[in-house]
Amino acid sequence: MTAFERTKDVLQSFAPRVSVNQVEEGRQLSPRFDRDGLIVAVTTDAASGEVLMVGAMNAEALVLSIETGEAHYWSRSRGCLWHKGATSGLIQRIVEMRIDDDQDAIWLRVAVQGNGASCHVGYRSCFYRFVALGPLSTGHERLHYTESHKVFDPAAVYGTASNPSRL
């Protein structure tokens, strides 16, 4: 089966988008994927509400997340399906999944197995820095850390696996 045929098959898991009322007020899951076949997924810690990461899901990742109760994403940098925690053991168990009003964004509330970290850099959250507000003419160093230490050593966890960050 080709990737196109597989995607077409997986998309049949969702209801067709028939009307605005059906999408906004109905009970049918009719996600709207972008032109690249992706939908935004915001992931927060179920207990604290802290934003852990923002990722993307294709239809297959969404179906797998729903069926397994564990977060799956589409890695745009690697160009492949990604079961969060498959390598690190930091699996995100879905406590609740929500979809927004026009069904083009997913919100996952998760409990992370292991040490609770979700960032491949080693911090608990991928949002481990804040941006100082004010006139931009005051310099380029605008990022300040919100986490004082890494939860794990990425080199020890991922070994020689390639870093997903791209320049």
C-alpha atoms as a PDB file:
ATOM      1  CA  MET A   1       0.000   0.000   0.000  1.00  0.00           C
ATOM      2  CA  THR A   2       1.402   3.425  -0.944  1.00  0.00           C
ATOM      3  CA  ALA A   3       1.641   6.285   1.566  1.00  0.00           C
ATOM      4  CA  PHE A   4      -1.173   8.053  -0.302  1.00  0.00           C
ATOM      5  CA  GLU A   5      -3.440   4.987  -0.125  1.00  0.00           C
ATOM      6  CA  ARG A   6      -2.633   4.518   3.558  1.00  0.00           C
ATOM      7  CA  THR A   7      -3.467   8.173   4.321  1.00  0.00           C
ATOM      8  CA  LYS A   8      -6.692   7.934   2.334  1.00  0.00           C
ATOM      9  CA  ASP A   9      -7.609   4.758   4.272  1.00  0.00           C
ATOM     10  CA  VAL A  10      -6.845   6.393   7.639  1.00  0.00           C
ATOM     11  CA  LEU A  11      -8.834   9.529   6.750  1.00  0.00           C
ATOM     12  CA  GLN A  12     -11.914   7.321   6.415  1.00  0.00           C
ATOM     13  CA  SER A  13     -11.726   6.961  10.218  1.00  0.00           C
ATOM     14  CA  PHE A  14     -13.130  10.502  10.448  1.00  0.00           C
ATOM     15  CA  ALA A  15     -16.506  11.917   9.472  1.00  0.00           C
ATOM     16  CA  PRO A  16     -16.608  14.122   6.373  1.00  0.00           C
ATOM     17  CA  ARG A  17     -16.895  17.877   6.942  1.00  0.00           C
ATOM     18  CA  VAL A  18     -20.433  18.548   5.709  1.00  0.00           C
ATOM     19  CA  SER A  19     -21.490  21.846   7.304  1.00  0.00           C
ATOM     20  CA  VAL A  20     -20.255  24.506   9.695  1.00  0.00           C
ATOM     21  CA  ASN A  21     -22.950  23.474  12.177  1.00  0.00           C
ATOM     22  CA  GLN A  22     -21.846  19.821  12.005  1.00  0.00           C
ATOM     23  CA  VAL A  23     -18.192  20.792  12.540  1.00  0.00           C
ATOM     24  CA  GLU A  24     -18.816  23.345  15.329  1.00  0.00           C
ATOM     25  CA  GLU A  25     -21.806  21.839  17.134  1.00  0.00           C
ATOM     26  CA  GLY A  26     -21.922  18.182  16.116  1.00  0.00           C
ATOM     27  CA  ARG A  27     -20.618  15.047  17.784  1.00  0.00           C
ATOM     28  CA  GLN A  28     -18.659  13.730  14.798  1.00  0.00           C
ATOM     29  CA  LEU A  29     -14.884  13.943  14.731  1.00  0.00           C
ATOM     30  CA  SER A  30     -14.105  15.748  11.466  1.00  0.00           C
ATOM     31  CA  PRO A  31     -10.579  17.135  11.838  1.00  0.00           C
ATOM     32  CA  ARG A  32      -9.305  19.696   9.346  1.00  0.00           C
ATOM     33  CA  PHE A  33      -5.742  18.954   8.312  1.00  0.00           C
ATOM     34  CA  ASP A  34      -3.679  21.662   6.607  1.00  0.00           C
ATOM     35  CA  ARG A  35      -2.313  21.447   3.057  1.00  0.00           C
ATOM     36  CA  ASP A  36       0.574  19.293   4.367  1.00  0.00           C
ATOM     37  CA  GLY A  37      -1.890  16.876   5.965  1.00  0.00           C
ATOM     38  CA  LEU A  38      -1.131  18.072   9.514  1.00  0.00           C
ATOM     39  CA  ILE A  39      -3.075  19.386  12.486  1.00  0.00           C
ATOM     40  CA  VAL A  40      -1.567  21.350  15.402  1.00  0.00           C
ATOM     41  CA  ALA A  41      -1.347  19.474  18.718  1.00  0.00           C
ATOM     42  CA  VAL A  42      -0.799  21.413  21.946  1.00  0.00           C
ATOM     43  CA  THR A  43       0.312  19.159  24.797  1.00  0.00           C
ATOM     44  CA  THR A  44      -0.015  20.105  28.467  1.00  0.00           C
ATOM     45  CA  ASP A  45       0.672  18.344  31.748  1.00  0.00           C
ATOM     46  CA  ALA A  46      -2.656  16.962  32.992  1.00  0.00           C
ATOM     47  CA  ALA A  47      -1.884  17.749  36.634  1.00  0.00           C
ATOM     48  CA  SER A  48      -0.290  21.212  36.452  1.00  0.00           C
ATOM     49  CA  GLY A  49      -1.634  22.568  33.155  1.00  0.00           C
ATOM     50  CA  GLU A  50       1.919  23.511  32.099  1.00  0.00           C
ATOM     51  CA  VAL A  51       2.478  23.577  28.341  1.00  0.00           C
ATOM     52  CA  LEU A  52       4.942  20.786  27.564  1.00  0.00           C
ATOM     53  CA  MET A  53       5.149  21.010  23.793  1.00  0.00           C
ATOM     54  CA  VAL A  54       3.439  21.931  20.543  1.00  0.00           C
ATOM     55  CA  GLY A  55       3.645  19.427  17.732  1.00  0.00           C
ATOM     56  CA  ALA A  56       1.838  18.249  14.657  1.00  0.00           C
ATOM     57  CA  MET A  57      -0.217  15.166  13.899  1.00  0.00           C
ATOM     58  CA  ASN A  58      -1.107  13.637  10.587  1.00  0.00           C
ATOM     59  CA  ALA A  59      -4.223  11.468  10.288  1.00  0.00           C
ATOM     60  CA  GLU A  60      -2.327   8.311  11.239  1.00  0.00           C
ATOM     61  CA  ALA A  61      -0.823   9.920  14.356  1.00  0.00           C
ATOM     62  CA  LEU A  62      -4.254  11.142  15.439  1.00  0.00           C
ATOM     63  CA  VAL A  63      -5.832   7.710  14.930  1.00  0.00           C
ATOM     64  CA  LEU A  64      -2.990   5.977  16.810  1.00  0.00           C
ATOM     65  CA  SER A  65      -3.242   8.496  19.664  1.00  0.00           C
ATOM     66  CA  ILE A  66      -6.981   7.896  19.979  1.00  0.00           C
ATOM     67  CA  GLU A  67      -6.709   4.108  19.736  1.00  0.00           C
ATOM     68  CA  THR A  68      -3.670   3.583  22.017  1.00  0.00           C
ATOM     69  CA  GLY A  69      -4.171   6.382  24.545  1.00  0.00           C
ATOM     70  CA  GLU A  70      -0.534   7.401  24.008  1.00  0.00           C
ATOM     71  CA  ALA A  71       0.626  10.482  22.107  1.00  0.00           C
ATOM     72  CA  HIS A  72       1.824  10.011  18.538  1.00  0.00           C
ATOM     73  CA  TYR A  73       2.953  12.889  16.342  1.00  0.00           C
ATOM     74  CA  TRP A  74       4.249  13.566  12.861  1.00  0.00           C
ATOM     75  CA  SER A  75       7.851  14.717  13.079  1.00  0.00           C
ATOM     76  CA  ARG A  76       8.209  17.465  10.495  1.00  0.00           C
ATOM     77  CA  SER A  77      11.997  17.545  10.940  1.00  0.00           C
ATOM     78  CA  ARG A  78      12.415  13.779  10.523  1.00  0.00           C
ATOM     79  CA  GLY A  79       9.542  13.319   8.092  1.00  0.00           C
ATOM     80  CA  CYS A  80       8.086  10.326   9.916  1.00  0.00           C
ATOM     81  CA  LEU A  81       5.519   9.126  12.412  1.00  0.00           C
ATOM     82  CA  TRP A  82       6.766   9.508  15.986  1.00  0.00           C
ATOM     83  CA  HIS A  83       5.503   7.708  19.103  1.00  0.00           C
ATOM     84  CA  LYS A  84       6.527  10.157  21.829  1.00  0.00           C
ATOM     85  CA  GLY A  85       8.770   8.368  24.309  1.00  0.00           C
ATOM     86  CA  ALA A  86       9.448   5.262  22.217  1.00  0.00           C
ATOM     87  CA  THR A  87      13.196   5.958  22.416  1.00  0.00           C
ATOM     88  CA  SER A  88      13.435   7.828  25.729  1.00  0.00           C
ATOM     89  CA  GLY A  89      10.780   5.958  27.716  1.00  0.00           C
ATOM     90  CA  LEU A  90       9.069   9.306  28.426  1.00  0.00           C
ATOM     91  CA  ILE A  91       5.745   8.176  26.975  1.00  0.00           C
ATOM     92  CA  GLN A  92       2.883  10.648  27.107  1.00  0.00           C
ATOM     93  CA  ARG A  93      -0.228   8.835  28.372  1.00  0.00           C
ATOM     94  CA  ILE A  94      -3.281  10.784  27.250  1.00  0.00           C
ATOM     95  CA  VAL A  95      -5.589  11.715  30.113  1.00  0.00           C
ATOM     96  CA  GLU A  96      -7.872  13.802  27.906  1.00  0.00           C
ATOM     97  CA  MET A  97      -7.964  14.836  24.255  1.00  0.00           C
ATOM     98  CA  ARG A  98      -9.887  17.893  23.111  1.00  0.00           C
ATOM     99  CA  ILE A  99     -10.437  19.466  19.712  1.00  0.00           C
ATOM    100  CA  ASP A 100     -11.118  23.155  19.090  1.00  0.00           C
ATOM    101  CA  ASP A 101     -14.307  24.682  17.680  1.00  0.00           C
ATOM    102  CA  ASP A 102     -13.495  24.330  13.976  1.00  0.00           C
ATOM    103  CA  GLN A 103     -11.585  21.077  14.528  1.00  0.00           C
ATOM    104  CA  ASP A 104      -8.195  22.240  13.263  1.00  0.00           C
ATOM    105  CA  ALA A 105      -6.239  21.983  16.530  1.00  0.00           C
ATOM    106  CA  ILE A 106      -5.881  19.233  19.129  1.00  0.00           C
ATOM    107  CA  TRP A 107      -5.205  19.718  22.850  1.00  0.00           C
ATOM    108  CA  LEU A 108      -3.704  16.755  24.695  1.00  0.00           C
ATOM    109  CA  ARG A 109      -3.639  16.650  28.479  1.00  0.00           C
ATOM    110  CA  VAL A 110      -1.022  14.035  29.341  1.00  0.00           C
ATOM    111  CA  ALA A 111       0.769  12.276  32.174  1.00  0.00           C
ATOM    112  CA  VAL A 112       4.383  11.663  31.212  1.00  0.00           C
ATOM    113  CA  GLN A 113       5.942   8.363  32.284  1.00  0.00           C
ATOM    114  CA  GLY A 114       9.400   8.296  33.818  1.00  0.00           C
ATOM    115  CA  ASN A 115      10.801  11.574  35.091  1.00  0.00           C
ATOM    116  CA  GLY A 116       7.988  13.660  33.605  1.00  0.00           C
ATOM    117  CA  ALA A 117      10.125  15.400  30.981  1.00  0.00           C
ATOM    118  CA  SER A 118       8.874  16.006  27.451  1.00  0.00           C
ATOM    119  CA  CYS A 119      11.659  18.028  25.828  1.00  0.00           C
ATOM    120  CA  HIS A 120      14.393  16.332  23.783  1.00  0.00           C
ATOM    121  CA  VAL A 121      16.834  18.978  25.092  1.00  0.00           C
ATOM    122  CA  GLY A 122      16.428  17.511  28.596  1.00  0.00           C
ATOM    123  CA  TYR A 123      14.093  20.028  30.210  1.00  0.00           C
ATOM    124  CA  ARG A 124      10.642  19.173  31.549  1.00  0.00           C
ATOM    125  CA  SER A 125       8.859  21.413  29.023  1.00  0.00           C
ATOM    126  CA  CYS A 126       9.884  22.506  25.543  1.00  0.00           C
ATOM    127  CA  PHE A 127       8.973  26.015  26.749  1.00  0.00           C
ATOM    128  CA  TYR A 128      11.907  26.337  29.151  1.00  0.00           C
ATOM    129  CA  ARG A 129      12.679  29.987  28.281  1.00  0.00           C
ATOM    130  CA  PHE A 130      10.686  33.189  28.253  1.00  0.00           C
ATOM    131  CA  VAL A 131      11.089  36.180  25.952  1.00  0.00           C
ATOM    132  CA  ALA A 132      11.804  39.528  27.609  1.00  0.00           C
ATOM    133  CA  LEU A 133       9.329  42.105  26.313  1.00  0.00           C
ATOM    134  CA  GLY A 134      10.248  45.649  25.334  1.00  0.00           C
ATOM    135  CA  PRO A 135      11.888  47.538  22.470  1.00  0.00           C
ATOM    136  CA  LEU A 136      13.831  45.189  20.204  1.00  0.00           C
ATOM    137  CA  SER A 137      16.578  47.763  19.739  1.00  0.00           C
ATOM    138  CA  THR A 138      17.912  46.935  23.220  1.00  0.00           C
ATOM    139  CA  GLY A 139      19.790  43.823  22.111  1.00  0.00           C
ATOM    140  CA  HIS A 140      19.461  40.248  20.902  1.00  0.00           C
ATOM    141  CA  GLU A 141      19.710  38.410  24.243  1.00  0.00           C
ATOM    142  CA  ARG A 142      16.028  38.320  25.048  1.00  0.00           C
ATOM    143  CA  LEU A 143      15.651  34.732  26.291  1.00  0.00           C
ATOM    144  CA  HIS A 144      15.715  33.852  29.984  1.00  0.00           C
ATOM    145  CA  TYR A 145      15.437  30.376  31.502  1.00  0.00           C
ATOM    146  CA  THR A 146      12.362  29.322  33.442  1.00  0.00           C
ATOM    147  CA  GLU A 147      13.849  25.941  34.402  1.00  0.00           C
ATOM    148  CA  SER A 148      17.044  25.882  36.448  1.00  0.00           C
ATOM    149  CA  HIS A 149      18.264  22.439  35.392  1.00  0.00           C
ATOM    150  CA  LYS A 150      17.692  19.631  32.928  1.00  0.00           C
ATOM    151  CA  VAL A 151      15.662  16.645  34.077  1.00  0.00           C
ATOM    152  CA  PHE A 152      17.779  14.218  32.066  1.00  0.00           C
ATOM    153  CA  ASP A 153      20.946  14.112  29.971  1.00  0.00           C
ATOM    154  CA  PRO A 154      19.940  13.926  26.284  1.00  0.00           C
ATOM    155  CA  ALA A 155      23.237  12.277  25.276  1.00  0.00           C
ATOM    156  CA  ALA A 156      22.658   9.469  27.783  1.00  0.00           C
ATOM    157  CA  VAL A 157      19.039   8.959  26.671  1.00  0.00           C
ATOM    158  CA  TYR A 158      19.321   9.374  22.891  1.00  0.00           C
ATOM    159  CA  GLY A 159      22.928   8.367  22.301  1.00  0.00           C
ATOM    160  CA  THR A 160      23.867   8.883  18.679  1.00  0.00           C
ATOM    161  CA  ALA A 161      20.329   9.543  17.409  1.00  0.00           C
ATOM    162  CA  SER A 162      20.144  12.676  15.292  1.00  0.00           C
ATOM    163  CA  ASN A 163      18.895  15.854  16.907  1.00  0.00           C
ATOM    164  CA  PRO A 164      15.458  16.820  15.501  1.00  0.00           C
ATOM    165  CA  SER A 165      16.167  20.573  15.698  1.00  0.00           C
ATOM    166  CA  ARG A 166      16.937  22.162  12.326  1.00  0.00           C
ATOM    167  CA  LEU A 167      18.574  25.479  11.465  1.00  0.00           C
END
